[in-house]
């Protein structure tokens, strides 16, 4: 009976070793899958980031060109107003200078109504 028990024990030990090998392979496979999943997730994150950056750049380009157009329109309006002001200055500049000189040299002081004249 001892030989039969010994053979049974040996069979159990062999089965245990085989089970340990299967468990070890499963752990290795799980570890490999976790690493693969992490690298795949990182790649997806990078792809998503690139896509969003491209969308942002397209949005920025689209909206900044509108600002450029508005700026150009404002510059054009400013130039037109400056030309108008210079034209008026050229036409009436001498009259304005004469009026200023007349006001400076022809002083006519007056006492305000609220202040009493010295007695």
Protein backbone atom coordinates (compact mmCIF):
# COMPACT_ATOMS: atom_id res chain seq x y z
CA UNK A 1 0.00 0.00 0.00
CA UNK A 2 2.91 2.22 0.58
CA UNK A 3 3.88 2.14 -3.10
CA UNK A 4 0.35 2.99 -4.08
CA UNK A 5 0.28 5.93 -1.59
CA UNK A 6 3.66 7.05 -2.85
CA UNK A 7 2.41 6.97 -6.46
CA UNK A 8 -0.73 8.92 -5.47
CA UNK A 9 1.34 11.52 -3.65
CA UNK A 10 3.65 11.82 -6.64
CA UNK A 11 0.62 12.30 -8.92
CA UNK A 12 -0.70 15.05 -6.65
CA UNK A 13 2.71 16.78 -6.59
CA UNK A 14 2.88 16.62 -10.39
CA UNK A 15 -0.63 18.05 -10.63
CA UNK A 16 0.32 20.84 -8.20
CA UNK A 17 3.41 21.73 -10.25
CA UNK A 18 1.32 21.79 -13.40
CA UNK A 19 -1.24 24.04 -11.68
CA UNK A 20 1.55 26.39 -10.54
CA UNK A 21 2.82 26.62 -14.14
CA UNK A 22 -0.69 27.42 -15.38
CA UNK A 23 -1.13 30.10 -12.68
CA UNK A 24 2.30 31.58 -13.49
CA UNK A 25 1.44 31.73 -17.21
CA UNK A 26 -1.88 33.39 -16.36
CA UNK A 27 -0.11 36.01 -14.22
CA UNK A 28 2.42 36.69 -16.97
CA UNK A 29 -0.38 36.97 -19.52
CA UNK A 30 -2.32 39.36 -17.26
CA UNK A 31 0.78 41.50 -16.69
CA UNK A 32 1.44 41.62 -20.43
CA UNK A 33 -2.19 42.59 -21.14
CA UNK A 34 -2.06 45.37 -18.53
CA UNK A 35 1.11 46.77 -20.13
CA UNK A 36 -0.43 46.51 -23.59
CA UNK A 37 -3.60 48.22 -22.38
CA UNK A 38 -1.59 51.06 -20.83
CA UNK A 39 0.43 51.63 -23.98
CA UNK A 40 -2.71 51.45 -26.12
CA UNK A 41 -4.47 53.95 -23.83
CA UNK A 42 -1.46 56.27 -23.99
CA UNK A 43 -1.53 56.10 -27.79
CA UNK A 44 -5.25 56.89 -27.83
CA UNK A 45 -4.66 59.83 -25.50
CA UNK A 46 -1.94 61.20 -27.79
CA UNK A 47 -4.16 60.78 -30.86
CA UNK A 48 -7.03 62.53 -29.10
CA UNK A 49 -4.74 65.34 -27.97
CA UNK A 50 -3.44 65.84 -31.51
CA UNK A 51 -6.98 65.89 -32.88
CA UNK A 52 -8.10 68.51 -30.35
CA UNK A 53 -5.01 70.64 -30.99
CA UNK A 54 -5.76 70.60 -34.72
CA UNK A 55 -9.38 71.56 -34.04
CA UNK A 56 -8.20 74.40 -31.79
CA UNK A 57 -5.74 75.67 -34.39
CA UNK A 58 -8.45 75.59 -37.08
CA UNK A 59 -10.84 77.45 -34.75
CA UNK A 60 -8.17 80.00 -33.84
CA UNK A 61 -7.24 80.55 -37.48
CA UNK A 62 -10.87 80.98 -38.48
CA UNK A 63 -11.60 83.50 -35.74
CA UNK A 64 -8.34 85.41 -35.85
CA UNK A 65 -8.80 86.09 -39.57
CA UNK A 66 -12.11 87.80 -38.70
CA UNK A 67 -10.24 90.02 -36.27
CA UNK A 68 -7.73 90.90 -38.96
CA UNK A 69 -10.54 91.94 -41.29
CA UNK A 70 -12.11 94.10 -38.58
CA UNK A 71 -8.72 95.66 -37.85
CA UNK A 72 -8.17 96.43 -41.54
CA UNK A 73 -11.63 98.01 -41.76
CA UNK A 74 -10.91 100.14 -38.68
CA UNK A 75 -7.58 101.28 -40.15
CA UNK A 76 -9.29 102.22 -43.40
CA UNK A 77 -11.94 104.26 -41.55
CA UNK A 78 -9.25 105.97 -39.51
CA UNK A 79 -7.30 106.95 -42.63
CA UNK A 80 -10.46 108.40 -44.20
CA UNK A 81 -11.22 110.46 -41.09
CA UNK A 82 -7.62 111.73 -40.95
CA UNK A 83 -7.81 112.82 -44.59
CA UNK A 84 -11.11 114.58 -43.88
CA UNK A 85 -9.66 116.39 -40.86
CA UNK A 86 -6.54 117.42 -42.78
CA UNK A 87 -8.69 118.71 -45.63
CA UNK A 88 -10.74 120.84 -43.24
CA UNK A 89 -7.52 122.06 -41.62
CA UNK A 90 -6.08 123.06 -44.98
CA UNK A 91 -9.26 124.94 -45.93
CA UNK A 92 -9.95 126.72 -42.64
CA UNK A 93 -6.58 126.59 -40.88
CA UNK A 94 -5.65 130.21 -41.59
CA UNK A 95 -9.05 131.47 -40.36
CA UNK A 96 -8.68 129.49 -37.12
CA UNK A 97 -5.18 130.92 -36.57
CA UNK A 98 -6.42 134.45 -37.22
CA UNK A 99 -9.32 133.96 -34.76
CA UNK A 100 -6.92 132.63 -32.10
CA UNK A 101 -4.50 135.52 -32.55
CA UNK A 102 -7.37 138.03 -32.43
CA UNK A 103 -8.68 136.46 -29.20
CA UNK A 104 -5.22 136.59 -27.63
CA UNK A 105 -4.34 140.16 -28.63
CA UNK A 106 -7.77 141.82 -28.35
CA UNK A 107 -8.43 141.20 -24.66
CA UNK A 108 -11.58 142.74 -23.24
CA UNK A 109 -11.78 141.88 -19.54
CA UNK A 110 -15.26 141.82 -18.01
CA UNK A 111 -16.33 141.43 -14.41
CA UNK A 112 -18.64 138.47 -13.89
CA UNK A 113 -22.18 139.24 -12.73
CA UNK A 114 -21.80 137.37 -9.45
CA UNK A 115 -18.86 139.41 -8.24
CA UNK A 116 -19.51 142.92 -6.97
CA UNK A 117 -17.40 145.68 -8.38
CA UNK A 118 -15.06 147.33 -5.85
CA UNK A 119 -16.58 150.48 -4.43
